């Protein structure tokens, strides 16, 4: 299992989200690139000092998201991700570029020596709040091959949040996961319907039975409900680790420490 190359035999790895402040060109952009990078490194410090198992750098504050991103986003994401990697050379590090900029994320991961990307729209098409998101597995894996980045893993959302799945309503979450596995995903990500919304624990059981690749939970995990997701291979946590549990707030070290204390107890 390739996931074990990142976390060894850690049960249910915890990944903290480093949500970059709005990048140049985004409607809410205010800070300089150096200020955004400094803030990202400060957040990474909080996460690592609180004991998380890995990090994902994401342009979460670039709302509203575009289906295409400019070269400035790729360049700045690479610069900041490389700064985080420099500070923590051995921590598992991922990249996600919203929305659906998966080839750009792969390029950033290669440039910054990151370990994986989170990719939306890997299999099947869907209508998201950003627009139409088409499947990208064929192009993305060929791009990874072309640039010599096969060591970078691709964890893929299934039934992506903030989306309508009416077009694929006859395809279950488990069947979607099997399709992602068949198309060579390194792991699938199960979420709720929106940021911070809890994933269905029953769907986790079904997906775990359906595929042999790792299954990650990508939204809605809290210290109160984490027991329901301990069968996942990893948890990606953004909202709960922020003050008052709201994704746009500052990272809250006490919430992270409380979560990791309970996680370490459950791992025994």
Protein backbone atom coordinates (compact mmCIF):
# COMPACT_ATOMS: atom_id res chain seq x y z
CA UNK A 1 0.00 0.00 0.00
CA UNK A 2 1.62 3.26 -1.16
CA UNK A 3 0.05 5.24 1.68
CA UNK A 4 2.27 3.33 4.09
CA UNK A 5 5.28 4.80 2.30
CA UNK A 6 4.19 8.15 3.73
CA UNK A 7 2.96 7.24 7.21
CA UNK A 8 4.40 3.81 7.84
CA UNK A 9 1.93 1.90 9.97
CA UNK A 10 0.33 4.92 11.65
CA UNK A 11 -3.34 4.15 12.12
CA UNK A 12 -5.66 6.74 10.60
CA UNK A 13 -3.14 9.47 9.75
CA UNK A 14 -4.26 13.06 10.44
CA UNK A 15 -3.58 15.69 7.79
CA UNK A 16 -3.93 19.37 8.63
CA UNK A 17 -4.96 21.93 6.01
CA UNK A 18 -2.73 24.96 5.44
CA UNK A 19 -5.25 27.34 3.88
CA UNK A 20 -3.32 30.06 2.06
CA UNK A 21 -4.59 33.62 2.29
CA UNK A 22 -6.02 34.93 -1.01
CA UNK A 23 -3.42 34.85 -3.76
CA UNK A 24 -2.76 37.66 -6.25
CA UNK A 25 -5.65 37.98 -8.69
CA UNK A 26 -8.25 36.54 -6.30
CA UNK A 27 -11.08 38.97 -5.38
CA UNK A 28 -10.13 39.00 -1.68
CA UNK A 29 -6.37 39.35 -2.23
CA UNK A 30 -4.73 41.74 0.24
CA UNK A 31 -1.36 40.46 1.49
CA UNK A 32 1.97 40.33 -0.32
CA UNK A 33 3.31 36.98 -1.43
CA UNK A 34 5.94 37.05 1.32
CA UNK A 35 3.24 37.74 3.91
CA UNK A 36 1.11 34.85 2.59
CA UNK A 37 4.14 32.56 2.74
CA UNK A 38 5.00 33.66 6.28
CA UNK A 39 1.43 33.00 7.41
CA UNK A 40 1.47 29.55 5.79
CA UNK A 41 4.70 28.61 7.55
CA UNK A 42 3.29 29.83 10.86
CA UNK A 43 0.22 27.62 10.39
CA UNK A 44 2.44 24.66 9.51
CA UNK A 45 4.39 25.24 12.73
CA UNK A 46 1.18 25.15 14.77
CA UNK A 47 0.07 21.91 13.14
CA UNK A 48 3.39 20.12 13.50
CA UNK A 49 3.90 21.25 17.09
CA UNK A 50 0.41 19.92 17.90
CA UNK A 51 1.32 16.50 16.52
CA UNK A 52 -0.45 16.05 13.16
CA UNK A 53 0.92 13.45 10.76
CA UNK A 54 1.00 15.50 7.56
CA UNK A 55 -0.02 18.73 5.82
CA UNK A 56 -1.84 19.84 2.68
CA UNK A 57 -1.24 23.30 1.20
CA UNK A 58 -4.37 24.66 -0.51
CA UNK A 59 -5.55 28.00 -1.98
CA UNK A 60 -8.80 27.79 0.00
CA UNK A 61 -9.28 31.55 0.33
CA UNK A 62 -9.27 32.17 -3.45
CA UNK A 63 -13.08 32.37 -3.52
CA UNK A 64 -14.96 32.30 -5.80
CA UNK A 65 -13.00 29.52 -7.46
CA UNK A 66 -12.25 29.39 -11.17
CA UNK A 67 -12.18 26.29 -13.32
CA UNK A 68 -8.85 27.56 -14.67
CA UNK A 69 -6.00 29.17 -12.75
CA UNK A 70 -3.34 31.54 -13.99
CA UNK A 71 0.40 30.84 -14.03
CA UNK A 72 0.80 33.18 -11.04
CA UNK A 73 -1.18 30.75 -8.87
CA UNK A 74 1.02 27.81 -9.87
CA UNK A 75 4.20 29.81 -9.29
CA UNK A 76 3.15 31.15 -5.90
CA UNK A 77 1.81 27.80 -4.72
CA UNK A 78 5.16 26.22 -5.65
CA UNK A 79 7.10 28.92 -3.77
CA UNK A 80 5.02 28.59 -0.61
CA UNK A 81 4.87 24.79 -0.69
CA UNK A 82 8.66 24.73 -1.07
CA UNK A 83 8.97 27.01 1.97
CA UNK A 84 6.83 24.63 4.03
CA UNK A 85 8.88 21.69 2.78
CA UNK A 86 12.12 23.48 3.69
CA UNK A 87 10.86 23.94 7.25
CA UNK A 88 9.71 20.33 7.53
CA UNK A 89 11.75 18.15 5.16
CA UNK A 90 10.41 14.83 6.40
CA UNK A 91 6.69 15.52 7.03
CA UNK A 92 4.30 14.08 4.42
CA UNK A 93 3.20 17.08 2.35
CA UNK A 94 0.37 17.43 -0.16
CA UNK A 95 -0.93 20.10 -2.54
CA UNK A 96 -4.39 20.99 -3.79
CA UNK A 97 -5.21 23.84 -6.18
CA UNK A 98 -8.84 24.87 -6.43
CA UNK A 99 -10.69 24.32 -8.47
CA UNK A 100 -9.74 21.16 -10.26
CA UNK A 101 -6.29 22.45 -11.26
CA UNK A 102 -4.82 19.02 -10.86
CA UNK A 103 -2.02 19.18 -13.42
CA UNK A 104 -0.89 22.47 -11.91
CA UNK A 105 -0.96 20.85 -8.46
CA UNK A 106 1.17 18.01 -9.80
CA UNK A 107 3.69 20.52 -11.17
CA UNK A 108 3.76 22.32 -7.81
CA UNK A 109 4.25 19.05 -5.94
CA UNK A 110 7.18 18.15 -8.18
CA UNK A 111 8.78 21.57 -7.82
CA UNK A 112 8.30 21.70 -4.04
CA UNK A 113 9.26 18.06 -3.35
CA UNK A 114 5.79 17.30 -2.01
CA UNK A 115 4.50 13.74 -1.69
CA UNK A 116 0.93 13.81 -3.01
CA UNK A 117 -1.87 15.90 -4.46
CA UNK A 118 -5.59 15.95 -3.77
CA UNK A 119 -7.49 15.85 -7.05
CA UNK A 120 -11.14 16.63 -7.71
CA UNK A 121 -12.97 15.35 -10.77
CA UNK A 122 -10.81 12.27 -11.27
CA UNK A 123 -13.62 10.03 -12.56
CA UNK A 124 -17.12 10.85 -13.82
CA UNK A 125 -18.36 14.36 -14.56
CA UNK A 126 -20.29 16.60 -12.19
CA UNK A 127 -21.79 20.04 -11.84
CA UNK A 128 -19.99 21.89 -9.06
CA UNK A 129 -20.56 25.37 -7.70
CA UNK A 130 -17.64 26.51 -9.86
CA UNK A 131 -19.15 25.01 -13.02
CA UNK A 132 -18.86 21.80 -15.00
CA UNK A 133 -16.05 19.55 -13.79
CA UNK A 134 -15.06 16.77 -16.17
CA UNK A 135 -13.12 13.60 -15.42
CA UNK A 136 -9.35 14.03 -15.65
CA UNK A 137 -7.74 10.67 -14.82
CA UNK A 138 -6.41 9.96 -18.30
CA UNK A 139 -4.82 13.36 -18.83
CA UNK A 140 -3.56 13.70 -15.25
CA UNK A 141 -1.80 10.34 -15.09
CA UNK A 142 -0.24 10.87 -18.50
CA UNK A 143 0.98 14.29 -17.38
CA UNK A 144 2.46 12.76 -14.21
CA UNK A 145 4.29 10.23 -16.38
CA UNK A 146 5.56 12.87 -18.80
CA UNK A 147 7.13 15.05 -16.12
CA UNK A 148 8.69 12.16 -14.21
CA UNK A 149 6.50 12.58 -11.14
CA UNK A 150 5.27 9.02 -10.66
CA UNK A 151 6.51 9.08 -7.07
CA UNK A 152 3.86 11.71 -6.29
CA UNK A 153 0.63 10.06 -5.19
CA UNK A 154 -2.83 11.15 -6.28
CA UNK A 155 -5.65 11.00 -3.73
CA UNK A 156 -8.96 11.57 -5.45
CA UNK A 157 -12.32 12.88 -4.28
CA UNK A 158 -15.34 10.73 -5.11
CA UNK A 159 -18.78 12.36 -5.34
CA UNK A 160 -17.07 15.72 -4.76
CA UNK A 161 -18.59 18.07 -2.18
CA UNK A 162 -20.25 21.32 -3.28
CA UNK A 163 -21.58 19.50 -6.33
CA UNK A 164 -24.71 18.08 -7.92
CA UNK A 165 -24.45 14.42 -8.84
CA UNK A 166 -27.76 14.07 -10.65
CA UNK A 167 -25.96 13.00 -13.84
CA UNK A 168 -24.41 10.07 -11.96
CA UNK A 169 -27.22 9.35 -9.51
CA UNK A 170 -27.33 5.76 -10.75
CA UNK A 171 -23.66 5.30 -9.79
CA UNK A 172 -23.11 4.63 -6.08
CA UNK A 173 -20.25 6.02 -4.03
CA UNK A 174 -18.77 2.52 -3.86
CA UNK A 175 -18.98 2.13 -7.64
CA UNK A 176 -17.35 5.53 -8.07
CA UNK A 177 -14.53 4.42 -5.77
CA UNK A 178 -14.07 1.24 -7.81
CA UNK A 179 -13.86 3.32 -10.98
CA UNK A 180 -11.18 5.52 -9.40
CA UNK A 181 -9.24 2.44 -8.34
CA UNK A 182 -9.52 0.97 -11.85
CA UNK A 183 -8.18 4.27 -13.22
CA UNK A 184 -5.12 3.97 -10.94
CA UNK A 185 -5.98 6.37 -8.12
CA UNK A 186 -3.62 6.00 -5.16
CA UNK A 187 -6.47 6.56 -2.70
CA UNK A 188 -10.03 7.88 -2.62
CA UNK A 189 -11.46 10.68 -0.48
CA UNK A 190 -14.95 10.52 0.96
CA UNK A 191 -16.66 13.76 2.06
CA UNK A 192 -19.94 15.26 3.14
CA UNK A 193 -21.91 17.54 0.84
CA UNK A 194 -19.97 20.70 1.75
CA UNK A 195 -16.89 21.98 3.58
CA UNK A 196 -17.06 20.95 7.23
CA UNK A 197 -20.05 18.66 6.71
CA UNK A 198 -19.72 15.16 8.13
CA UNK A 199 -19.21 12.24 5.75
CA UNK A 200 -21.60 9.28 6.03
CA UNK A 201 -19.98 6.57 8.21
CA UNK A 202 -21.99 3.90 6.40
CA UNK A 203 -20.54 5.05 3.09
CA UNK A 204 -17.08 4.68 4.60
CA UNK A 205 -17.83 1.04 5.37
CA UNK A 206 -19.12 0.43 1.85
CA UNK A 207 -16.16 2.08 0.15
CA UNK A 208 -13.66 0.25 2.35
CA UNK A 209 -15.25 -3.03 1.28
CA UNK A 210 -15.32 -1.99 -2.38
CA UNK A 211 -11.66 -1.09 -2.93
CA UNK A 212 -8.18 -2.18 -1.91
CA UNK A 213 -6.63 1.28 -2.11
CA UNK A 214 -6.60 3.67 0.88
CA UNK A 215 -9.80 5.49 1.83
CA UNK A 216 -9.49 8.96 3.33
CA UNK A 217 -12.15 11.12 5.02
CA UNK A 218 -12.10 14.62 3.59
CA UNK A 219 -14.60 16.68 5.61
CA UNK A 220 -16.55 16.98 8.83
CA UNK A 221 -14.36 15.05 11.28
CA UNK A 222 -14.42 16.45 14.83
CA UNK A 223 -13.20 15.34 18.23
CA UNK A 224 -16.80 14.33 19.00
CA UNK A 225 -17.35 12.06 15.97
CA UNK A 226 -13.86 10.81 15.16
CA UNK A 227 -14.55 7.31 16.51
CA UNK A 228 -16.91 6.75 13.55
CA UNK A 229 -14.02 7.19 11.10
CA UNK A 230 -11.17 5.26 12.68
CA UNK A 231 -11.39 2.63 9.91
CA UNK A 232 -10.28 5.29 7.41
CA UNK A 233 -6.64 5.27 6.36
CA UNK A 234 -6.38 9.02 6.90
CA UNK A 235 -8.42 12.09 7.86
CA UNK A 236 -8.06 15.47 6.16
CA UNK A 237 -9.09 18.15 8.64
CA UNK A 238 -9.48 21.85 8.00
CA UNK A 239 -12.59 23.33 9.60
CA UNK A 240 -12.41 21.62 12.99
CA UNK A 241 -8.80 22.75 13.51
CA UNK A 242 -9.79 26.42 13.17
CA UNK A 243 -11.14 28.67 15.93
CA UNK A 244 -14.84 27.92 16.53
CA UNK A 245 -14.58 25.18 13.90
CA UNK A 246 -15.00 27.59 10.99
CA UNK A 247 -12.71 27.10 7.99
CA UNK A 248 -11.85 30.80 7.45
CA UNK A 249 -10.69 31.43 11.03
CA UNK A 250 -7.20 31.16 12.44
CA UNK A 251 -5.71 27.76 13.28
CA UNK A 252 -6.44 26.82 16.90
CA UNK A 253 -3.56 24.93 18.52
CA UNK A 254 -5.66 23.85 21.50
CA UNK A 255 -8.31 22.24 19.29
CA UNK A 256 -5.60 20.39 17.36
CA UNK A 257 -3.88 19.18 20.53
CA UNK A 258 -7.19 18.02 21.99
CA UNK A 259 -7.94 16.10 18.81
CA UNK A 260 -4.50 14.50 18.58
CA UNK A 261 -4.55 13.52 22.27
CA UNK A 262 -7.77 11.61 21.69
CA UNK A 263 -6.50 10.21 18.39
CA UNK A 264 -3.36 8.82 20.02
CA UNK A 265 -5.52 7.21 22.71
CA UNK A 266 -7.77 5.58 20.10
CA UNK A 267 -4.78 4.29 18.13
CA UNK A 268 -3.61 2.11 21.03
